[in-house]
Protein backbone atom coordinates (compact mmCIF):
# COMPACT_ATOMS: atom_id res chain seq x y z
CA MET A 1 98.27 107.51 88.39
CA GLU A 2 101.24 106.68 90.59
CA ASN A 3 103.09 109.53 92.25
CA ARG A 4 106.39 108.90 90.46
CA LYS A 5 104.79 109.48 87.07
CA ARG A 6 102.93 112.55 88.24
CA THR A 7 106.13 113.98 89.74
CA LEU A 8 108.06 113.28 86.53
CA ILE A 9 105.51 115.04 84.35
CA LEU A 10 105.51 118.11 86.60
CA ASP A 11 109.31 118.13 86.76
CA LEU A 12 109.65 117.87 82.97
CA HIS A 13 107.26 120.77 82.57
CA ARG A 14 109.13 122.78 85.22
CA ILE A 15 112.51 122.45 83.47
CA GLY A 16 111.02 123.22 80.04
CA ALA A 17 111.32 119.70 78.63
CA LEU A 18 107.56 119.82 77.95
CA LYS A 19 106.36 122.96 76.22
CA PHE A 20 102.96 123.98 74.89
CA GLY A 21 102.12 126.64 72.29
CA GLU A 22 103.04 126.65 68.59
CA PHE A 23 106.21 124.95 67.39
CA LYS A 24 107.49 124.39 63.86
CA LEU A 25 108.63 120.81 63.45
CA LYS A 26 111.32 119.45 61.14
CA SER A 27 108.55 118.03 58.94
CA GLY A 28 107.17 121.54 58.39
CA ALA A 29 104.05 120.91 60.48
CA THR A 30 103.04 123.17 63.36
CA SER A 31 102.64 121.34 66.66
CA PRO A 32 100.80 122.60 69.76
CA PHE A 33 103.45 121.00 71.98
CA TYR A 34 107.14 120.21 71.95
CA ILE A 35 109.14 117.64 73.90
CA ASP A 36 112.91 117.96 74.31
CA LEU A 37 114.38 115.66 76.94
CA ARG A 38 118.06 116.32 76.26
CA SER A 39 118.39 118.64 79.25
CA ILE A 40 117.35 116.00 81.81
CA ILE A 41 120.98 114.89 82.21
CA SER A 42 121.56 118.05 84.27
CA TYR A 43 118.92 117.08 86.86
CA PRO A 44 120.07 114.09 88.96
CA GLU A 45 116.83 113.81 90.92
CA ILE A 46 114.81 113.58 87.72
CA ILE A 47 117.20 110.94 86.38
CA LYS A 48 116.79 108.93 89.58
CA ASN A 49 113.01 109.00 89.21
CA ILE A 50 113.16 108.00 85.54
CA VAL A 51 115.52 105.11 86.27
CA GLN A 52 113.20 103.76 88.96
CA LEU A 53 110.24 103.98 86.59
CA LEU A 54 112.25 102.16 83.93
CA LYS A 55 113.21 99.44 86.39
CA ASP A 56 109.53 98.95 87.30
CA VAL A 57 108.60 98.46 83.64
CA LEU A 58 111.55 96.13 83.07
CA ALA A 59 110.63 93.84 85.96
CA ASP A 60 108.74 91.34 83.78
CA LYS A 61 111.02 91.53 80.72
CA GLN A 62 113.54 88.89 79.73
CA PHE A 63 116.82 90.17 78.27
CA ASP A 64 120.56 89.54 78.42
CA VAL A 65 121.90 92.99 77.53
CA LEU A 66 120.34 96.40 77.16
CA THR A 67 120.99 99.55 75.20
CA GLY A 68 119.82 103.14 74.87
CA ILE A 69 119.36 104.93 71.56
CA PRO A 70 121.86 107.81 71.42
CA TYR A 71 121.93 110.35 72.65
CA THR A 72 119.25 111.10 75.25
CA ALA A 73 118.43 107.51 76.23
CA LEU A 74 122.02 106.30 76.50
CA PRO A 75 122.79 107.76 79.95
CA LEU A 76 119.44 106.43 81.19
CA ALA A 77 120.27 102.95 79.92
CA ALA A 78 123.74 103.16 81.48
CA GLN A 79 122.25 103.94 84.88
CA VAL A 80 119.72 101.11 84.57
CA SER A 81 122.53 98.77 83.53
CA VAL A 82 124.50 99.58 86.70
CA GLU A 83 121.52 99.16 89.01
CA LEU A 84 120.35 95.90 87.44
CA GLY A 85 123.82 94.48 86.91
CA THR A 86 122.96 93.86 83.26
CA PRO A 87 125.58 94.47 80.56
CA LEU A 88 125.18 97.61 78.44
CA VAL A 89 125.91 97.78 74.71
CA TYR A 90 125.36 100.65 72.35
CA GLN A 91 125.23 101.28 68.64
CA ARG A 92 127.53 103.91 67.21
CA LYS A 93 126.03 106.60 64.99
CA GLU A 94 128.63 105.65 62.40
CA VAL A 95 130.85 102.62 61.97
CA LYS A 96 134.24 103.12 63.60
CA ALA A 97 136.68 104.20 60.90
CA TYR A 98 139.76 102.76 62.60
CA GLY A 99 140.79 99.91 64.88
CA THR A 100 138.14 97.18 64.98
CA GLY A 101 135.63 99.04 62.80
CA LYS A 102 132.81 98.01 65.14
CA LEU A 103 129.24 99.30 64.95
CA ILE A 104 128.12 97.85 68.30
CA GLU A 105 130.26 98.67 71.35
CA GLY A 106 130.28 96.42 74.41
CA HIS A 107 130.55 92.71 75.08
CA PHE A 108 127.77 90.39 73.94
CA GLU A 109 127.27 87.01 72.34
CA ALA A 110 125.32 86.19 69.20
CA GLY A 111 121.83 84.97 70.04
CA GLN A 112 121.45 87.02 73.21
CA THR A 113 118.40 89.24 73.64
CA CYS A 114 118.82 93.01 73.75
CA LEU A 115 116.24 95.34 75.29
CA ILE A 116 116.19 98.85 73.80
CA ILE A 117 115.43 102.01 75.79
CA ASP A 118 114.57 105.35 74.18
CA ASP A 119 113.29 108.70 75.38
CA LEU A 120 110.48 109.25 72.83
CA ILE A 121 108.53 107.48 70.17
CA THR A 122 106.97 109.51 67.37
CA THR A 123 107.06 107.46 64.16
CA GLY A 124 109.00 104.39 65.23
CA GLU A 125 111.63 104.97 62.53
CA SER A 126 114.63 105.28 64.84
CA LYS A 127 113.47 102.17 66.69
CA PHE A 128 113.54 100.10 63.51
CA GLU A 129 117.00 101.42 62.70
CA ALA A 130 118.25 100.55 66.18
CA ALA A 131 116.78 97.06 66.02
CA GLU A 132 118.28 96.41 62.59
CA GLY A 133 121.74 97.36 63.83
CA MET A 134 121.49 95.04 66.81
CA GLU A 135 120.07 92.18 64.77
CA GLU A 136 122.75 92.51 62.11
CA ALA A 137 125.30 92.07 64.90
CA GLY A 138 123.61 88.82 65.96
CA LEU A 139 121.44 90.02 68.83
CA LYS A 140 117.71 89.42 69.21
CA VAL A 141 115.32 92.30 69.88
CA LYS A 142 111.89 91.82 71.42
CA ASP A 143 111.13 94.81 73.64
CA PHE A 144 111.35 98.60 73.44
CA ILE A 145 110.84 100.82 76.48
CA CYS A 146 110.11 104.51 75.86
CA LEU A 147 109.89 107.25 78.44
CA ILE A 148 107.18 109.15 76.52
CA ASP A 149 104.86 107.85 73.79
CA ARG A 150 103.74 110.79 71.66
CA SER A 151 103.05 108.66 68.59
CA TYR A 152 99.92 108.13 66.55
CA ASN A 153 100.32 104.34 66.39
CA GLY A 154 103.84 103.56 67.59
CA ALA A 155 102.97 100.31 69.33
CA GLU A 156 101.13 99.03 66.26
CA MET A 157 104.02 100.02 63.98
CA LEU A 158 106.56 98.15 66.08
CA ALA A 159 104.24 95.17 66.36
CA THR A 160 104.32 94.73 62.58
CA LYS A 161 107.92 93.56 63.04
CA GLY A 162 107.23 91.52 66.14
CA TYR A 163 108.45 94.11 68.67
CA LYS A 164 106.60 95.06 71.85
CA LEU A 165 106.49 98.68 73.05
CA SER A 166 106.10 99.63 76.70
CA SER A 167 105.82 103.32 77.59
CA ILE A 168 106.00 105.11 80.91
CA ILE A 169 104.10 108.28 80.00
CA THR A 170 101.52 108.99 77.31
CA VAL A 171 100.35 112.33 75.97
CA GLU A 172 97.05 111.76 77.73
CA ASP A 173 98.94 111.33 81.01
CA MET A 174 100.58 114.71 80.50
CA ILE A 175 97.25 116.36 79.70
CA GLU A 176 95.65 114.88 82.82
CA VAL A 177 98.40 115.93 85.24
CA LEU A 178 99.11 119.38 83.82
CA GLY A 179 95.41 120.12 83.44
CA ALA A 180 94.75 119.23 87.07
CA GLU A 181 97.48 121.67 88.10
CA ASN A 182 96.10 124.44 85.84
CA LEU A 183 99.26 124.32 83.76
CA LEU A 184 97.39 123.41 80.57
CA ASP A 185 94.00 124.82 79.59
CA ALA A 186 91.26 122.67 78.06
CA LYS A 187 91.37 124.33 74.64
CA LEU A 188 95.09 123.73 74.16
CA ALA A 189 94.74 120.22 75.57
CA GLN A 190 92.20 119.42 72.85
CA LYS A 191 94.57 120.74 70.18
CA VAL A 192 97.26 118.42 71.53
CA ARG A 193 94.89 115.44 71.39
CA GLU A 194 93.87 116.23 67.84
CA PHE A 195 97.46 116.65 66.73
CA VAL A 196 98.60 113.35 68.24
CA ASN A 197 95.67 111.51 66.68
CA GLN A 198 96.80 112.44 63.17
CA PRO A 199 99.27 110.19 61.34
CA VAL A 200 102.71 111.82 61.27
CA GLU A 201 103.60 110.25 57.95
CA LYS A 202 101.20 110.68 55.07
CA PRO A 203 100.95 107.82 52.59
CA LEU A 204 102.55 108.37 49.20
CA LEU A 205 99.97 110.02 46.95
CA LYS A 206 99.18 108.84 43.46
CA PHE A 207 101.78 110.03 40.99
CA ALA A 208 99.30 112.17 39.04
CA ASP A 209 98.22 113.92 42.24
CA ARG A 210 101.83 114.57 43.15
CA LEU A 211 102.42 116.05 39.71
CA ALA A 212 99.44 118.37 40.15
CA ALA A 213 100.94 119.63 43.43
CA THR A 214 104.44 120.15 42.03
CA GLU A 215 105.47 123.72 41.30
CA ALA A 216 109.09 123.40 40.11
CA PRO A 217 109.02 123.42 36.26
CA LEU A 218 111.91 121.02 35.72
CA THR A 219 110.50 118.54 38.23
CA GLN A 220 107.14 118.81 36.47
CA LYS A 221 108.89 118.05 33.18
CA LEU A 222 110.36 114.84 34.56
CA MET A 223 107.04 113.67 35.95
CA GLU A 224 105.17 114.53 32.78
CA THR A 225 107.72 112.61 30.70
CA ILE A 226 107.36 109.53 32.88
CA LEU A 227 103.59 109.53 32.38
CA ARG A 228 103.71 110.41 28.68
CA LYS A 229 106.41 107.86 27.86
CA LYS A 230 104.90 105.22 30.17
CA SER A 231 108.38 104.49 31.42
CA ASN A 232 110.17 104.99 34.73
CA LEU A 233 113.45 103.58 33.41
CA VAL A 234 116.69 105.57 33.54
CA LEU A 235 119.51 104.08 31.46
CA SER A 236 122.98 104.52 32.97
CA LEU A 237 124.98 104.47 29.75
CA ASP A 238 128.53 104.09 31.03
CA VAL A 239 130.55 103.01 28.01
CA GLU A 240 133.92 104.27 26.83
CA ASP A 241 133.51 104.86 23.11
CA VAL A 242 131.08 107.03 21.17
CA ALA A 243 130.07 104.39 18.62
CA THR A 244 128.97 101.92 21.28
CA PHE A 245 127.23 104.72 23.19
CA PHE A 246 125.01 105.65 20.26
CA ASP A 247 124.41 102.05 19.14
CA ILE A 248 122.99 101.26 22.58
CA LEU A 249 121.11 104.53 22.90
CA GLU A 250 119.45 104.10 19.51
CA ALA A 251 118.30 100.63 20.53
CA THR A 252 117.12 101.59 24.03
CA GLY A 253 115.80 105.11 23.42
CA PRO A 254 112.20 104.01 22.84
CA GLU A 255 112.11 102.32 26.26
CA ILE A 256 113.63 104.95 28.56
CA PHE A 257 112.43 108.29 29.82
CA MET A 258 115.93 109.49 30.73
CA VAL A 259 119.54 108.66 29.86
CA LYS A 260 122.25 109.13 32.48
CA THR A 261 125.60 109.89 30.90
CA HIS A 262 129.17 109.92 32.15
CA VAL A 263 130.63 112.00 29.36
CA ASP A 264 134.12 112.16 30.86
CA ILE A 265 134.71 108.40 30.46
CA LEU A 266 134.35 108.57 26.67
CA LYS A 267 137.79 108.09 25.14
CA ASP A 268 136.86 109.57 21.75
CA TYR A 269 134.53 112.41 22.72
CA ASN A 270 134.33 115.05 19.99
CA GLY A 271 132.25 118.01 18.88
CA SER A 272 129.62 115.87 17.18
CA PHE A 273 128.66 114.05 20.38
CA VAL A 274 126.27 116.60 21.87
CA PRO A 275 124.32 117.32 18.63
CA ARG A 276 123.84 113.57 18.10
CA LEU A 277 122.75 113.08 21.70
CA LYS A 278 120.22 115.91 21.55
CA ALA A 279 118.88 114.64 18.23
CA LEU A 280 118.27 111.17 19.68
CA ALA A 281 116.64 112.68 22.77
CA ALA A 282 114.21 114.56 20.53
CA LYS A 283 113.58 111.52 18.35
CA HIS A 284 112.82 109.11 21.20
CA ASP A 285 111.44 111.62 23.73
CA PHE A 286 113.87 111.11 26.57
CA ILE A 287 115.67 113.49 28.93
CA ILE A 288 119.44 113.98 29.26
CA PHE A 289 120.97 113.63 32.73
CA GLU A 290 124.74 113.97 33.18
CA ASP A 291 126.01 112.08 36.21
CA ARG A 292 128.99 114.39 36.81
CA LYS A 293 128.58 114.28 40.63
CA PHE A 294 129.68 117.84 41.31
CA ALA A 295 131.35 118.16 44.72
CA ASP A 296 133.41 121.32 45.11
CA ILE A 297 133.09 124.96 46.11
CA GLY A 298 130.65 127.10 44.16
CA SER A 299 133.14 128.93 41.96
CA THR A 300 134.81 125.70 40.88
CA VAL A 301 131.64 123.76 40.08
CA ARG A 302 130.36 126.71 38.07
CA LYS A 303 133.40 126.42 35.80
CA GLN A 304 133.08 122.64 35.64
CA PHE A 305 129.42 122.96 34.68
CA LYS A 306 129.57 125.83 32.21
CA SER A 307 133.08 125.68 30.79
CA GLY A 308 135.84 123.24 29.91
CA VAL A 309 135.71 120.70 27.13
CA TYR A 310 132.21 119.41 27.81
CA LYS A 311 130.19 122.59 28.63
CA ILE A 312 127.68 120.40 30.43
CA ALA A 313 125.24 123.22 31.22
CA ASP A 314 124.62 123.68 27.49
CA TRP A 315 123.07 120.23 26.99
CA ALA A 316 122.30 118.42 30.28
CA GLU A 317 119.12 119.60 31.97
CA TYR A 318 119.85 117.55 35.11
CA VAL A 319 123.04 116.70 36.97
CA THR A 320 124.05 114.88 40.14
CA VAL A 321 125.29 116.84 43.14
CA HIS A 322 127.20 115.80 46.26
CA MET A 323 126.35 118.08 49.19
CA ILE A 324 129.68 117.61 50.97
CA ALA A 325 130.66 121.20 50.06
CA GLY A 326 127.47 122.63 51.57
CA GLU A 327 124.40 124.38 50.22
CA ALA A 328 126.39 127.04 48.38
CA ILE A 329 127.26 124.47 45.72
CA LEU A 330 123.69 124.83 44.43
CA ASP A 331 124.16 128.55 43.92
CA GLY A 332 127.42 127.92 42.12
CA LEU A 333 125.85 125.39 39.80
CA PHE A 334 122.41 126.77 39.08
CA GLY A 335 122.79 130.51 39.55
CA ASP A 336 123.24 132.79 36.55
CA LEU A 337 122.47 130.22 33.84
CA GLU A 338 121.10 131.02 30.40
CA ALA A 339 118.70 128.07 30.57
CA PRO A 340 117.18 126.59 33.76
CA ARG A 341 118.79 123.43 35.06
CA SER A 342 118.11 121.16 38.04
CA GLY A 343 119.92 118.62 40.17
CA PHE A 344 119.55 115.33 41.95
CA LEU A 345 121.27 115.19 45.33
CA LEU A 346 123.17 112.03 46.16
CA ALA A 347 121.61 111.06 49.49
CA ARG A 348 122.61 107.41 49.67
CA MET A 349 124.87 105.10 47.68
CA SER A 350 124.48 101.48 46.60
CA ALA A 351 128.20 100.66 46.94
CA LYS A 352 128.93 98.38 49.88
CA GLY A 353 130.98 100.10 52.57
CA ASN A 354 130.29 103.63 51.34
CA LEU A 355 130.86 106.38 53.89
CA ILE A 356 127.52 108.18 53.67
CA SER A 357 125.92 108.13 57.12
CA GLU A 358 122.27 108.53 58.06
CA THR A 359 123.13 111.88 59.62
CA TYR A 360 124.60 113.06 56.33
CA THR A 361 121.55 111.75 54.47
CA ARG A 362 119.20 113.75 56.71
CA GLN A 363 121.24 116.90 56.16
CA VAL A 364 121.15 116.39 52.39
CA LEU A 365 117.37 116.02 52.47
CA GLU A 366 117.00 119.18 54.55
CA VAL A 367 118.94 121.18 51.96
CA GLY A 368 116.91 119.68 49.13
CA LYS A 369 113.61 120.56 50.80
CA ARG A 370 114.67 124.19 50.98
CA ARG A 371 115.83 124.33 47.37
CA LYS A 372 113.07 122.74 45.33
CA GLU A 373 113.51 125.30 42.57
CA CYS A 374 116.79 123.61 41.61
CA VAL A 375 116.54 120.20 43.29
CA SER A 376 114.21 117.79 41.52
CA GLY A 377 114.93 114.91 43.83
CA TYR A 378 117.42 112.48 45.24
CA ILE A 379 119.43 109.44 44.30
CA GLY A 380 119.47 106.83 47.01
CA HIS A 381 119.60 103.12 47.64
CA GLY A 382 117.86 100.97 50.22
CA ALA A 383 118.83 97.77 51.98
CA ASN A 384 115.34 96.25 51.80
CA LEU A 385 111.69 97.16 51.29
CA GLU A 386 111.15 98.68 54.73
CA ASP A 387 114.38 100.65 54.52
CA ILE A 388 113.35 102.10 51.16
CA LYS A 389 109.92 103.04 52.54
CA ARG A 390 111.45 104.84 55.50
CA PHE A 391 113.80 106.68 53.16
CA ARG A 392 110.97 107.66 50.83
CA ASN A 393 108.91 108.95 53.77
CA LYS A 394 111.61 111.53 54.46
CA ILE A 395 111.38 112.95 50.92
CA PRO A 396 108.77 115.57 49.98
CA GLN A 397 106.13 114.21 47.64
CA ASP A 398 106.82 116.90 45.06
CA GLN A 399 110.36 115.62 44.64
CA LEU A 400 111.51 112.38 43.05
CA LEU A 401 113.48 109.38 44.24
CA LEU A 402 115.72 107.73 41.64
CA MET A 403 117.07 104.36 42.73
CA PRO A 404 120.32 102.85 41.49
CA GLY A 405 121.47 99.29 42.06
CA VAL A 406 118.40 97.73 40.45
CA ASN A 407 118.78 94.47 38.56
CA LEU A 408 116.35 91.79 37.45
CA ASP A 409 118.83 88.95 37.73
CA SER A 410 122.02 89.70 39.69
CA LYS A 411 122.56 90.27 43.40
CA GLY A 412 125.97 91.90 43.10
CA ASP A 413 129.03 92.36 40.93
CA GLY A 414 131.90 91.44 43.23
CA LEU A 415 133.07 95.07 43.25
CA GLY A 416 130.82 96.36 46.02
CA GLN A 417 127.65 97.00 43.98
CA GLN A 418 124.52 95.76 45.76
CA TYR A 419 121.37 95.14 43.75
CA LEU A 420 117.64 95.36 44.47
CA THR A 421 114.74 93.91 42.50
CA VAL A 422 112.67 96.26 40.37
CA GLU A 423 109.52 95.42 42.30
CA MET A 424 111.15 96.09 45.68
CA ALA A 425 112.52 99.45 44.58
CA VAL A 426 109.21 100.72 43.21
CA ALA A 427 107.06 99.23 45.99
CA GLY A 428 109.31 101.02 48.46
CA GLY A 429 108.60 104.36 46.80
CA ALA A 430 111.22 104.81 44.08
CA ASP A 431 109.79 106.91 41.26
CA ALA A 432 112.35 105.69 38.76
CA ILE A 433 114.86 102.87 38.51
CA ILE A 434 118.42 103.40 37.30
CA VAL A 435 119.80 100.45 35.35
CA GLY A 436 123.25 100.20 33.79
CA ARG A 437 125.07 96.93 33.29
CA GLY A 438 121.86 94.93 33.40
CA ILE A 439 121.08 96.49 30.00
CA ILE A 440 124.33 97.61 28.39
CA ALA A 441 126.17 94.34 29.11
CA SER A 442 123.45 92.24 27.48
CA LYS A 443 123.63 90.86 23.96
CA ASP A 444 120.44 92.72 23.00
CA PRO A 445 120.27 96.03 24.92
CA GLY A 446 117.02 97.05 23.24
CA ALA A 447 115.20 93.89 24.26
CA GLU A 448 116.66 94.03 27.75
CA ALA A 449 115.65 97.68 28.14
CA LYS A 450 112.10 96.69 27.18
CA ARG A 451 112.15 93.95 29.81
CA TYR A 452 113.22 96.45 32.47
CA ARG A 453 110.75 99.04 31.25
CA ASP A 454 107.86 96.57 31.41
CA ALA A 455 108.84 95.40 34.89
CA GLY A 456 109.29 98.95 36.15
CA TRP A 457 106.09 100.25 34.61
CA ASN A 458 104.00 97.34 35.85
CA ALA A 459 105.32 97.96 39.36
CA PHE A 460 104.59 101.68 38.91
CA LEU A 461 101.01 100.94 37.85
CA SER A 462 100.52 98.67 40.85
CA MET A 463 101.53 101.54 43.11
CA ASN A 464 99.18 103.99 41.36
CA LYS A 465 95.94 102.03 41.04
């Protein structure tokens, strides 16, 4: 091994960027090692060494511009850019909300090739996201350079999309150097090897196996209803008068496992609405889900949920929750109720130009993972099959993913709604599809609901062979 690599490994260990022991990861797993390279910016000599190693790897690469994935790799890429005289661009974490509204900063031309530098590769997920952003802006991506490869099969994952991964240091390199210096004993080194050789992401289990592992009663109820009803179709019944509401629900009830209501848009809501709704739910064996989208402080949402004209907590077992107000909203909603209730957290939206960022989505999922007793799952959209799969992989298998924006025929509505196919949504990992206008705007809602149910259930069966 060349001296520069050996020196880098020892330096990273010296400054605490490489640690060995027992560390709880975000996924919940316990790792025998931990890598945190954010502190390297405070060590100029280490940066110099890294930049030289990067330049050596880049010597045979062809590219017009380069970038670093924020935040750790961006200063490294900037230094390489200066030394090579190659333009630097970078992708913002969020689209600029003012001025030009750009996602990619820096000067480039469509069709140019962008090389991407990052500090680590574990699953490859952030690499795909970075590449997608660059490609959407008109750049081509062929190569990724990572300082440390601690992945199970990162190179193979990137290769599935035609990308090539080059890494400076591997986990085995670290074991070799630190072991030779008596900084890592053989027993711990073997634990590290075994950990790295396990897939980070587990494949989605069969639905029945997931049900068996689910402990939250209201999440179990949803899953059991899907299997019993042989339907993964949620009807979004957004109409403005009670008569139309019940005409459609009577026709579609046999095909759905859950109805999603927006009770506050009904112009003629009255005291007979809830008894009729509950009677139809019992008759056709479906669940009631009010899409109120609670998004306020705990004391306010408690009143909105339990009181007022609609008294939603009395009849809706599930509701939608925005997490913008923080985790305390869950205590306000679901604490001190006479009957247990559960929520779906809005993690992504299907409306074009919505302001939910990936950072916000991750924070929503973290809250949901901690609160499984009152969070049955998430509502979220995906741009394509791979995007949906990556989203699903972040969700615990004992929670559900409901996907809006699903339509058998249309690609959009001109008002910002973006649609996916049923097959794409379910193949990506959606447990249920939410369909509104595709059914309620048809001449025969019952027949159309059956068409969606059949398509959704066939896709579900294909995923659970």
